[in-house]
Amino acid sequence: MIKRSSGILLPVFSLPSDYGIGTMGKAAYSFVDFLKKSNQSYWQILPIGPTSYGDSPYQCLSSFAGNPYFIDLDILVSEGLLSKNDLKALRCNSDYIDYENLYNTRFDVLKKAAANGLKADNGEFSEFVGKNRDWVYDFALYSALKEHFGMKPWYCWPEDIRKRDAQKIAYYNELLKSEIDAVIYIQYLFYKQWIALKDYANKNGVKIIGDMPIYVAYDSADVWAEPQFFKLNSDGSPRCIAGVPPDAFSADGQLWGNPIYDWDALKGDGYGFWIRRVGAAARVYDVIRIDHFRGLESYWEVPTGAETAKPGKWVKGPGISFINMLTSWFNDTEFIAEDLGVLTDDVKDMLAQSGLPGMKVLEFAFEPEEGGSAYLPHKYGENCVCYIGTHDNDTLLGWYKSAKKSEIKFAKEYLSSGEDFSDSVIRAGMRSVANLFVTQMQDWLSLGSEGRINTPGTSFGNWCWRMKKGVLTAALAKKIGGITKTYSR
């Protein structure tokens, strides 16, 4: 069980850097140093897989691969894989991420680094390939094929390779060998840098909380390589897609578009796909947050072709037996259940039986209702994680400016808040009995809605916020560290 502690949520992509997006370089190590000085025990991040159209880290091209954008280019220069001249045209200090520019410029320089690295006899690279052959070859071939076919999704490729005809697999492995080798080497570079960063964090008393989406993207190496585990038609099209019903975020619900698992097929295979998937996450994170945990009890299944999520229906998921299997298989890994959304008694019972800590979000706590919200701090048990807001919420200041007057009035009464409302909310979370309290970095920086990470139900303009250089001051570390110490976290 997670001990009484606190942490900060900051996506890797939001770290400052000279090259348009956060990386696993100097700024990441400096952030770990800042967490240590601030008496923080956890760094929570978002999924670190390679993103596609829409740039969402919850729609990755693979459950196993790392995001090449996060590879630090200065480290590659120090290792002799690139020159400083290779990086001149890539410099960008914009406050927001320009994914189109990254897509058009970053891969060429990474392929150059890979070409240089592949010329050397590197025992570490061979070891990486050996340890990851269960996914890396499929991902590399998928990536090379995607480029070969003009970046079309796998379900738009010719039928023989779409259906993984063995002769065509062999043909394309030979035809695209250099491209495949480059993809694998880039993954090696990613994991080399990530493991070094994680080791540094752990040695400094900081654990990494990683987010694992419940679903995988339709256009992904996962679905192309193992279609038998998803509800697909014979031509590869989805029989149904995932989403959530209408809620506080969207009157039409959210239509995610992910294919839905064929849980009977997964069970018949001993849940091998999920064991490999969670195993991969357990190697790169200290704590795994299971996104959309309630979907394991029952999930919202929407007919293919529906324009909104409204026509969907609840379908039973694998339930507590599946969760118990995962937690017993990975008994040295901590899990957090993202139990937000429509919570029925069955979902609550499943969470209680699992013994996993659920989530309490303070921005949801102050809607006046009979008996008071379950998210009010005085209703918590210890076995939970308290957040001011998650990546799907506005910043605290943004919420304060846009929330209903009734909510703010009640919040001030509940918190006995004076002029510094943000400080009052942070202290309420810190002094709660929740074993873990997590704050978005933007809330410590007192940022408004310009610092929001994602607005659910929208497709564009998300995942773009970047932290400015120089904001992680000694004074801020002292403030955070002092509050943390006051409440014994």
Protein backbone atom coordinates (compact mmCIF):
# COMPACT_ATOMS: atom_id res chain seq x y z
CA MET A 1 0.00 0.00 0.00
CA ILE A 2 1.18 3.52 -0.82
CA LYS A 3 2.32 5.30 2.34
CA ARG A 4 1.28 8.83 3.26
CA SER A 5 3.00 10.99 0.67
CA SER A 6 2.48 13.47 -2.14
CA GLY A 7 3.51 14.04 -5.72
CA ILE A 8 3.18 16.27 -8.77
CA LEU A 9 1.56 15.53 -12.11
CA LEU A 10 3.54 16.83 -15.09
CA PRO A 11 3.57 15.16 -18.53
CA VAL A 12 6.97 14.56 -20.07
CA PHE A 13 5.91 16.58 -23.11
CA SER A 14 5.30 19.62 -20.88
CA LEU A 15 8.90 19.87 -19.71
CA PRO A 16 10.84 22.84 -21.11
CA SER A 17 13.39 22.16 -23.83
CA ASP A 18 15.05 23.87 -26.78
CA TYR A 19 13.44 21.57 -29.33
CA GLY A 20 9.69 22.11 -29.19
CA ILE A 21 8.65 19.39 -26.72
CA GLY A 22 9.72 18.02 -23.37
CA THR A 23 12.31 15.24 -23.44
CA MET A 24 14.19 12.88 -21.15
CA GLY A 25 17.11 15.29 -20.99
CA LYS A 26 18.42 17.96 -18.67
CA ALA A 27 15.03 19.48 -17.80
CA ALA A 28 13.68 16.06 -16.75
CA TYR A 29 16.61 15.52 -14.39
CA SER A 30 16.18 19.06 -13.06
CA PHE A 31 12.52 18.34 -12.39
CA VAL A 32 13.48 15.26 -10.37
CA ASP A 33 15.86 17.48 -8.37
CA PHE A 34 13.01 19.94 -7.82
CA LEU A 35 10.72 17.17 -6.59
CA LYS A 36 13.36 16.02 -4.14
CA LYS A 37 13.88 19.56 -2.82
CA SER A 38 10.10 19.93 -2.50
CA ASN A 39 9.80 16.75 -0.40
CA GLN A 40 7.74 15.05 -3.10
CA SER A 41 7.76 11.26 -3.39
CA TYR A 42 6.05 10.82 -6.76
CA TRP A 43 6.19 12.15 -10.29
CA GLN A 44 3.00 11.29 -12.16
CA ILE A 45 3.12 11.35 -15.94
CA LEU A 46 0.79 10.53 -18.83
CA PRO A 47 1.28 7.57 -21.21
CA ILE A 48 4.66 7.70 -22.94
CA GLY A 49 3.79 5.78 -26.11
CA PRO A 50 4.07 7.07 -29.70
CA THR A 51 1.09 9.22 -30.62
CA SER A 52 -0.72 9.58 -33.93
CA TYR A 53 -3.47 11.76 -35.41
CA GLY A 54 -4.83 14.03 -32.68
CA ASP A 55 -1.63 13.67 -30.61
CA SER A 56 -3.41 12.01 -27.68
CA PRO A 57 -1.21 9.85 -25.44
CA TYR A 58 -4.34 7.75 -24.92
CA GLN A 59 -4.40 6.77 -28.63
CA CYS A 60 -0.92 5.30 -29.06
CA LEU A 61 0.46 3.39 -32.01
CA SER A 62 1.65 0.71 -29.60
CA SER A 63 1.12 -0.36 -25.99
CA PHE A 64 4.81 -1.22 -25.75
CA ALA A 65 6.79 1.34 -27.75
CA GLY A 66 8.09 4.67 -26.46
CA ASN A 67 7.43 8.10 -27.96
CA PRO A 68 10.39 9.09 -30.17
CA TYR A 69 9.64 12.79 -29.56
CA PHE A 70 10.80 12.33 -25.96
CA ILE A 71 14.31 11.24 -26.96
CA ASP A 72 16.70 13.99 -25.91
CA LEU A 73 18.74 15.22 -28.85
CA ASP A 74 21.52 16.81 -26.79
CA ILE A 75 22.23 13.41 -25.24
CA LEU A 76 22.53 11.96 -28.75
CA VAL A 77 25.09 14.67 -29.56
CA SER A 78 27.07 13.80 -26.41
CA GLU A 79 27.07 10.15 -27.52
CA GLY A 80 28.39 11.03 -30.98
CA LEU A 81 25.24 9.94 -32.80
CA LEU A 82 24.46 13.49 -33.98
CA SER A 83 26.33 16.76 -34.39
CA LYS A 84 25.30 20.15 -33.08
CA ASN A 85 24.75 21.26 -36.67
CA ASP A 86 22.08 18.56 -37.01
CA LEU A 87 20.04 20.33 -34.34
CA LYS A 88 20.21 23.96 -35.48
CA ALA A 89 17.01 23.89 -37.54
CA LEU A 90 15.10 22.11 -34.76
CA ARG A 91 15.36 24.77 -32.08
CA CYS A 92 11.96 25.97 -30.89
CA ASN A 93 11.03 27.64 -27.62
CA SER A 94 7.31 28.13 -28.21
CA ASP A 95 5.04 27.96 -25.15
CA TYR A 96 2.92 25.32 -26.91
CA ILE A 97 3.82 22.17 -28.81
CA ASP A 98 3.58 22.28 -32.61
CA TYR A 99 3.03 18.59 -33.37
CA GLU A 100 2.87 19.14 -37.12
CA ASN A 101 6.33 20.67 -37.08
CA LEU A 102 7.63 17.85 -34.90
CA TYR A 103 6.22 15.25 -37.27
CA ASN A 104 7.81 16.96 -40.27
CA THR A 105 11.27 17.44 -38.74
CA ARG A 106 12.04 15.09 -35.85
CA PHE A 107 12.09 11.70 -37.54
CA ASP A 108 14.74 12.59 -40.12
CA VAL A 109 17.25 13.50 -37.43
CA LEU A 110 16.38 10.43 -35.33
CA LYS A 111 16.86 8.21 -38.37
CA LYS A 112 20.28 9.80 -38.86
CA ALA A 113 21.17 8.99 -35.24
CA ALA A 114 19.95 5.43 -35.79
CA ALA A 115 22.02 5.04 -38.97
CA ASN A 116 25.12 6.20 -37.11
CA GLY A 117 24.39 3.93 -34.16
CA LEU A 118 23.74 0.85 -36.28
CA LYS A 119 27.22 1.14 -37.78
CA ALA A 120 28.76 0.31 -34.39
CA ASP A 121 28.88 -3.13 -32.79
CA ASN A 122 26.65 -2.38 -29.82
CA GLY A 123 26.08 -5.20 -27.38
CA GLU A 124 23.49 -3.15 -25.49
CA PHE A 125 21.39 -2.82 -28.64
CA SER A 126 21.46 -6.58 -29.26
CA GLU A 127 20.44 -7.17 -25.66
CA PHE A 128 17.53 -4.73 -26.02
CA VAL A 129 16.30 -6.52 -29.15
CA GLY A 130 16.52 -9.88 -27.42
CA LYS A 131 14.53 -8.74 -24.40
CA ASN A 132 11.83 -7.03 -26.47
CA ARG A 133 11.42 -9.29 -29.48
CA ASP A 134 7.84 -10.15 -28.42
CA TRP A 135 6.70 -6.68 -29.57
CA VAL A 136 9.50 -4.69 -31.17
CA TYR A 137 9.57 -6.54 -34.51
CA ASP A 138 5.81 -6.22 -34.99
CA PHE A 139 5.95 -2.54 -34.08
CA ALA A 140 8.92 -1.89 -36.38
CA LEU A 141 7.30 -3.65 -39.34
CA TYR A 142 3.99 -1.88 -38.66
CA SER A 143 5.77 1.50 -38.56
CA ALA A 144 7.75 0.79 -41.73
CA LEU A 145 4.61 -0.39 -43.54
CA LYS A 146 2.69 2.66 -42.40
CA GLU A 147 5.34 4.91 -43.95
CA HIS A 148 5.54 2.72 -47.04
CA PHE A 149 1.79 3.07 -47.62
CA GLY A 150 1.74 6.84 -47.23
CA MET A 151 0.89 6.83 -43.49
CA LYS A 152 -2.46 5.16 -44.09
CA PRO A 153 -3.84 3.18 -41.14
CA TRP A 154 -3.27 -0.57 -41.26
CA TYR A 155 -6.91 -1.29 -42.12
CA CYS A 156 -6.45 0.62 -45.40
CA TRP A 157 -3.42 -1.43 -46.53
CA PRO A 158 -3.67 -4.14 -49.22
CA GLU A 159 -5.62 -7.15 -47.96
CA ASP A 160 -2.71 -9.60 -47.92
CA ILE A 161 -0.53 -7.55 -45.56
CA ARG A 162 -3.54 -6.21 -43.68
CA LYS A 163 -4.36 -9.82 -42.79
CA ARG A 164 -0.67 -10.65 -42.15
CA ASP A 165 -0.17 -13.19 -44.92
CA ALA A 166 3.06 -15.02 -43.97
CA GLN A 167 4.65 -14.68 -47.43
CA LYS A 168 3.89 -10.95 -47.52
CA ILE A 169 5.30 -10.50 -44.01
CA ALA A 170 8.56 -12.09 -45.18
CA TYR A 171 8.54 -10.00 -48.37
CA TYR A 172 8.12 -6.69 -46.56
CA ASN A 173 10.62 -7.62 -43.85
CA GLU A 174 13.21 -7.91 -46.61
CA LEU A 175 12.03 -4.92 -48.66
CA LEU A 176 11.88 -2.55 -45.68
CA LYS A 177 14.81 -3.93 -43.68
CA SER A 178 16.67 -0.64 -43.29
CA GLU A 179 13.51 1.18 -42.20
CA ILE A 180 12.68 -1.60 -39.73
CA ASP A 181 16.20 -1.52 -38.26
CA ALA A 182 15.93 2.26 -37.80
CA VAL A 183 12.63 1.97 -35.94
CA ILE A 184 14.07 -0.66 -33.61
CA TYR A 185 17.19 1.41 -32.93
CA ILE A 186 15.09 4.50 -32.16
CA GLN A 187 13.16 2.40 -29.63
CA TYR A 188 16.46 1.31 -28.13
CA LEU A 189 17.46 4.97 -27.75
CA PHE A 190 14.14 5.78 -26.10
CA TYR A 191 14.35 3.02 -23.53
CA LYS A 192 18.02 3.64 -22.83
CA GLN A 193 17.22 7.25 -21.91
CA TRP A 194 14.02 6.38 -20.04
CA ILE A 195 15.61 3.72 -17.82
CA ALA A 196 18.47 6.10 -16.99
CA LEU A 197 15.99 8.83 -16.02
CA LYS A 198 13.84 6.46 -13.95
CA ASP A 199 16.91 5.12 -12.15
CA TYR A 200 17.95 8.68 -11.32
CA ALA A 201 14.49 9.45 -9.98
CA ASN A 202 14.37 6.31 -7.86
CA LYS A 203 17.85 6.94 -6.42
CA ASN A 204 16.61 10.38 -5.36
CA GLY A 205 13.55 9.01 -3.60
CA VAL A 206 11.09 9.77 -6.41
CA LYS A 207 8.82 7.07 -7.86
CA ILE A 208 7.15 7.30 -11.26
CA ILE A 209 3.37 6.94 -11.57
CA GLY A 210 2.48 5.98 -15.12
CA ASP A 211 -0.92 5.92 -16.77
CA MET A 212 -2.05 2.85 -18.69
CA PRO A 213 -5.06 3.42 -20.98
CA ILE A 214 -7.63 0.66 -20.70
CA TYR A 215 -8.03 0.54 -24.50
CA VAL A 216 -5.58 0.57 -27.38
CA ALA A 217 -5.92 2.60 -30.57
CA TYR A 218 -7.60 1.01 -33.59
CA ASP A 219 -4.71 2.08 -35.80
CA SER A 220 -2.01 0.45 -33.71
CA ALA A 221 0.51 -2.33 -33.96
CA ASP A 222 -1.41 -4.08 -31.18
CA VAL A 223 -4.63 -4.49 -33.17
CA TRP A 224 -2.85 -5.24 -36.45
CA ALA A 225 -0.62 -7.89 -34.88
CA GLU A 226 -3.26 -9.56 -32.68
CA PRO A 227 -6.72 -8.85 -34.14
CA GLN A 228 -8.15 -12.01 -32.58
CA PHE A 229 -8.36 -10.24 -29.22
CA PHE A 230 -10.69 -7.49 -30.45
CA LYS A 231 -14.30 -7.38 -31.64
CA LEU A 232 -13.59 -6.99 -35.35
CA ASN A 233 -15.33 -8.07 -38.53
CA SER A 234 -13.59 -10.37 -41.02
CA ASP A 235 -12.33 -7.33 -42.99
CA GLY A 236 -10.77 -5.84 -39.86
CA SER A 237 -13.43 -3.19 -39.26
CA PRO A 238 -14.68 -2.85 -35.65
CA ARG A 239 -18.02 -4.41 -34.77
CA CYS A 240 -18.39 -1.81 -32.03
CA ILE A 241 -16.32 0.96 -30.47
CA ALA A 242 -15.60 2.31 -27.01
CA GLY A 243 -16.82 5.47 -25.34
CA VAL A 244 -18.66 6.74 -22.28
CA PRO A 245 -22.27 7.86 -21.90
CA PRO A 246 -23.32 11.50 -21.48
CA ASP A 247 -21.77 13.00 -18.37
CA ALA A 248 -20.55 16.27 -16.85
CA PHE A 249 -17.92 16.58 -19.60
CA SER A 250 -20.19 16.06 -22.61
CA ALA A 251 -23.96 16.00 -23.20
CA ASP A 252 -23.44 13.56 -26.09
CA GLY A 253 -21.05 11.36 -24.18
CA GLN A 254 -17.55 10.67 -25.45
CA LEU A 255 -17.00 8.62 -28.59
CA TRP A 256 -13.44 7.34 -28.22
CA GLY A 257 -13.39 5.13 -31.30
CA ASN A 258 -11.19 2.39 -29.82
CA PRO A 259 -11.98 -1.20 -30.73
CA ILE A 260 -13.40 -3.20 -27.83
CA TYR A 261 -11.69 -6.28 -26.45
CA ASP A 262 -13.05 -9.74 -27.10
CA TRP A 263 -12.81 -10.71 -23.44
CA ASP A 264 -13.75 -14.34 -24.12
CA ALA A 265 -10.84 -14.67 -26.57
CA LEU A 266 -8.48 -12.97 -24.10
CA LYS A 267 -9.57 -15.29 -21.29
CA GLY A 268 -9.15 -18.32 -23.55
CA ASP A 269 -5.53 -17.25 -24.12
CA GLY A 270 -4.92 -16.83 -20.38
CA TYR A 271 -4.99 -13.04 -20.75
CA GLY A 272 -1.53 -13.21 -22.30
CA PHE A 273 -1.92 -9.90 -24.13
CA TRP A 274 -2.77 -8.07 -20.90
CA ILE A 275 0.00 -9.79 -18.94
CA ARG A 276 2.55 -8.67 -21.52
CA ARG A 277 1.02 -5.20 -21.62
CA VAL A 278 1.05 -4.70 -17.85
CA GLY A 279 4.48 -6.31 -17.64
CA ALA A 280 5.83 -3.72 -20.08
CA ALA A 281 4.29 -0.93 -17.99
CA ALA A 282 5.67 -2.39 -14.76
CA ARG A 283 9.18 -2.20 -16.19
CA VAL A 284 8.96 1.53 -16.86
CA TYR A 285 6.74 2.74 -13.99
CA ASP A 286 6.82 2.22 -10.24
CA VAL A 287 3.05 2.67 -9.94
CA ILE A 288 0.48 1.97 -12.68
CA ARG A 289 -2.75 3.96 -12.83
CA ILE A 290 -5.35 1.86 -14.63
CA ASP A 291 -7.28 4.33 -16.74
CA HIS A 292 -11.08 3.89 -16.92
CA PHE A 293 -11.03 1.20 -14.23
CA ARG A 294 -14.82 1.05 -14.16
CA GLY A 295 -14.71 -0.37 -17.70
CA LEU A 296 -13.41 -3.62 -16.24
CA GLU A 297 -16.74 -4.07 -14.44
CA SER A 298 -18.89 -2.94 -17.38
CA TYR A 299 -18.05 -0.80 -20.39
CA TRP A 300 -19.99 1.45 -22.74
CA GLU A 301 -20.24 -0.25 -26.14
CA VAL A 302 -21.31 1.95 -29.06
CA PRO A 303 -22.45 0.64 -32.46
CA THR A 304 -19.96 1.35 -35.24
CA GLY A 305 -21.11 4.33 -37.29
CA ALA A 306 -22.89 6.12 -34.45
CA GLU A 307 -22.32 9.88 -34.54
CA THR A 308 -22.37 10.22 -30.74
CA ALA A 309 -21.98 7.88 -27.79
CA LYS A 310 -25.67 8.12 -26.90
CA PRO A 311 -26.78 4.90 -28.67
CA GLY A 312 -24.35 2.82 -26.60
CA LYS A 313 -25.11 0.21 -23.96
CA TRP A 314 -23.43 -1.17 -20.86
CA VAL A 315 -21.78 -4.57 -21.34
CA LYS A 316 -20.24 -6.64 -18.56
CA GLY A 317 -16.45 -6.67 -18.41
CA PRO A 318 -14.09 -9.31 -16.99
CA GLY A 319 -14.61 -8.12 -13.41
CA ILE A 320 -12.82 -8.84 -10.15
CA SER A 321 -11.36 -12.19 -11.22
CA PHE A 322 -9.39 -10.43 -13.96
CA ILE A 323 -8.18 -7.72 -11.58
CA ASN A 324 -7.14 -10.30 -9.00
CA MET A 325 -5.22 -12.16 -11.69
CA LEU A 326 -3.28 -9.00 -12.62
CA THR A 327 -2.50 -7.94 -9.06
CA SER A 328 -1.37 -11.43 -8.07
CA TRP A 329 0.74 -11.78 -11.21
CA PHE A 330 2.35 -8.39 -10.57
CA ASN A 331 2.40 -8.53 -6.78
CA ASP A 332 5.41 -6.21 -6.51
CA THR A 333 3.71 -3.44 -8.52
CA GLU A 334 1.49 -0.75 -7.03
CA PHE A 335 -1.75 0.08 -8.86
CA ILE A 336 -4.15 3.02 -8.72
CA ALA A 337 -7.72 2.61 -9.96
CA GLU A 338 -9.02 5.54 -12.01
CA ASP A 339 -12.57 5.00 -10.78
CA LEU A 340 -14.11 8.20 -12.13
CA GLY A 341 -17.28 8.43 -14.19
CA VAL A 342 -20.58 6.63 -13.65
CA LEU A 343 -20.00 4.59 -10.49
CA THR A 344 -22.63 1.95 -9.83
CA ASP A 345 -22.76 -0.20 -6.71
CA ASP A 346 -21.17 -3.01 -8.74
CA VAL A 347 -18.19 -0.79 -9.62
CA LYS A 348 -17.82 0.28 -5.99
CA ASP A 349 -17.94 -3.35 -4.86
CA MET A 350 -15.29 -4.32 -7.43
CA LEU A 351 -12.99 -1.55 -6.22
CA ALA A 352 -13.50 -2.58 -2.58
CA GLN A 353 -12.78 -6.23 -3.38
CA SER A 354 -9.65 -5.32 -5.34
CA GLY A 355 -8.14 -3.40 -2.42
CA LEU A 356 -6.77 -0.83 -4.88
CA PRO A 357 -6.80 2.87 -4.04
CA GLY A 358 -9.41 4.83 -6.00
CA MET A 359 -9.35 8.52 -6.85
CA LYS A 360 -10.90 11.58 -5.22
CA VAL A 361 -10.97 14.80 -7.25
CA LEU A 362 -11.41 18.03 -5.31
CA GLU A 363 -12.75 19.94 -8.32
CA PHE A 364 -15.71 17.53 -8.23
CA ALA A 365 -16.30 17.95 -4.50
CA PHE A 366 -18.19 21.21 -4.19
CA GLU A 367 -21.33 20.73 -6.27
CA PRO A 368 -24.04 21.20 -3.61
CA GLU A 369 -25.95 17.94 -3.19
CA GLU A 370 -27.89 16.20 -0.46
CA GLY A 371 -25.51 14.53 1.96
CA GLY A 372 -22.47 16.08 0.28
CA SER A 373 -20.21 14.77 -2.47
CA ALA A 374 -18.12 11.64 -1.93
CA TYR A 375 -15.15 13.75 -3.01
CA LEU A 376 -15.28 16.01 0.06
CA PRO A 377 -12.13 15.34 2.12
CA HIS A 378 -13.93 14.50 5.36
CA LYS A 379 -15.49 11.48 3.61
CA TYR A 380 -12.20 9.88 2.53
CA GLY A 381 -10.68 6.69 3.80
CA GLU A 382 -6.91 6.36 3.77
CA ASN A 383 -6.76 3.98 0.80
CA CYS A 384 -7.27 6.54 -1.95
CA VAL A 385 -5.43 9.14 -4.00
CA CYS A 386 -6.60 12.75 -3.74
CA TYR A 387 -6.19 15.05 -6.74
CA ILE A 388 -7.14 18.68 -7.16
CA GLY A 389 -7.76 17.80 -10.80
CA THR A 390 -6.41 15.41 -13.39
CA HIS A 391 -5.14 16.07 -16.90
CA ASP A 392 -8.79 16.06 -18.03
CA ASN A 393 -9.71 18.92 -15.69
CA ASP A 394 -9.07 22.61 -15.89
CA THR A 395 -6.36 24.03 -13.68
CA LEU A 396 -7.46 25.06 -10.20
CA LEU A 397 -7.44 28.75 -11.13
CA GLY A 398 -9.24 28.04 -14.40
CA TRP A 399 -11.88 26.02 -12.55
CA TYR A 400 -12.28 28.77 -9.96
CA LYS A 401 -13.04 31.30 -12.69
CA SER A 402 -15.49 29.10 -14.59
CA ALA A 403 -17.25 27.04 -11.90
CA LYS A 404 -20.80 27.74 -10.78
CA LYS A 405 -21.13 30.45 -8.16
CA SER A 406 -22.84 27.93 -5.89
CA GLU A 407 -19.81 25.65 -6.06
CA ILE A 408 -17.34 28.40 -5.21
CA LYS A 409 -19.56 29.66 -2.39
CA PHE A 410 -19.78 26.20 -0.86
CA ALA A 411 -16.06 25.59 -1.39
CA LYS A 412 -15.14 28.76 0.47
CA GLU A 413 -17.48 27.85 3.32
CA TYR A 414 -16.13 24.31 3.50
CA LEU A 415 -12.50 25.40 3.32
CA SER A 416 -12.89 28.52 5.50
CA SER A 417 -11.05 30.15 2.63
CA GLY A 418 -9.79 33.69 2.83
CA GLU A 419 -8.30 35.53 -0.12
CA ASP A 420 -5.93 32.73 -1.27
CA PHE A 421 -8.43 30.18 -2.54
CA SER A 422 -5.82 28.05 -4.34
CA ASP A 423 -3.71 27.71 -1.21
CA SER A 424 -6.80 26.63 0.74
CA VAL A 425 -7.65 23.87 -1.74
CA ILE A 426 -4.06 22.60 -1.82
CA ARG A 427 -3.92 22.49 1.97
CA ALA A 428 -7.27 20.67 2.10
CA GLY A 429 -5.82 17.92 -0.09
CA MET A 430 -2.55 17.85 1.81
CA ARG A 431 -4.19 17.44 5.22
CA SER A 432 -6.75 14.86 4.05
CA VAL A 433 -6.30 11.27 5.21
CA ALA A 434 -5.75 10.09 1.61
CA ASN A 435 -2.50 8.17 1.49
CA LEU A 436 -1.39 10.04 -1.61
CA PHE A 437 -2.09 13.61 -2.70
CA VAL A 438 -1.21 14.73 -6.25
CA THR A 439 -1.23 18.26 -7.61
CA GLN A 440 -0.87 19.35 -11.21
CA MET A 441 2.30 21.40 -11.62
CA GLN A 442 0.19 24.17 -13.15
CA ASP A 443 -1.61 24.64 -9.82
CA TRP A 444 1.63 25.22 -7.94
CA LEU A 445 2.45 27.77 -10.67
CA SER A 446 -0.99 29.45 -10.27
CA LEU A 447 -1.78 29.10 -13.96
CA GLY A 448 -5.24 29.61 -15.45
CA SER A 449 -6.92 27.76 -18.29
CA GLU A 450 -3.96 28.48 -20.57
CA GLY A 451 -2.26 25.64 -18.68
CA ARG A 452 -5.01 23.08 -19.25
CA ILE A 453 -3.76 19.78 -20.71
CA ASN A 454 -6.93 18.29 -22.20
CA THR A 455 -10.60 19.09 -22.65
CA PRO A 456 -12.54 15.81 -22.98
CA GLY A 457 -14.85 15.61 -25.98
CA THR A 458 -12.60 17.83 -28.12
CA SER A 459 -10.20 16.52 -30.77
CA PHE A 460 -7.73 19.34 -31.26
CA GLY A 461 -5.75 21.88 -29.25
CA ASN A 462 -4.95 19.43 -26.45
CA TRP A 463 -1.70 17.97 -25.08
CA CYS A 464 0.18 21.16 -26.01
CA TRP A 465 1.02 23.01 -22.80
CA ARG A 466 4.70 23.52 -21.97
CA MET A 467 6.21 24.73 -18.73
CA LYS A 468 8.38 27.81 -19.06
CA LYS A 469 12.06 27.71 -18.19
CA GLY A 470 13.07 29.16 -14.85
CA VAL A 471 9.75 28.72 -13.02
CA LEU A 472 10.99 25.94 -10.73
CA THR A 473 12.58 28.31 -8.26
CA ALA A 474 14.16 27.58 -4.91
CA ALA A 475 11.43 29.67 -3.27
CA LEU A 476 8.71 27.49 -4.82
CA ALA A 477 10.47 24.31 -3.77
CA LYS A 478 10.73 25.67 -0.23
CA LYS A 479 7.01 26.54 -0.21
CA ILE A 480 5.93 23.12 -1.49
CA GLY A 481 8.35 21.34 0.81
CA GLY A 482 7.14 23.30 3.82
CA ILE A 483 3.46 22.55 3.21
CA THR A 484 4.31 18.90 2.58
CA LYS A 485 6.22 18.66 5.85
CA THR A 486 3.44 20.42 7.80
CA TYR A 487 0.97 17.70 6.81
CA SER A 488 3.42 14.81 7.28
CA ARG A 489 3.62 13.82 3.65
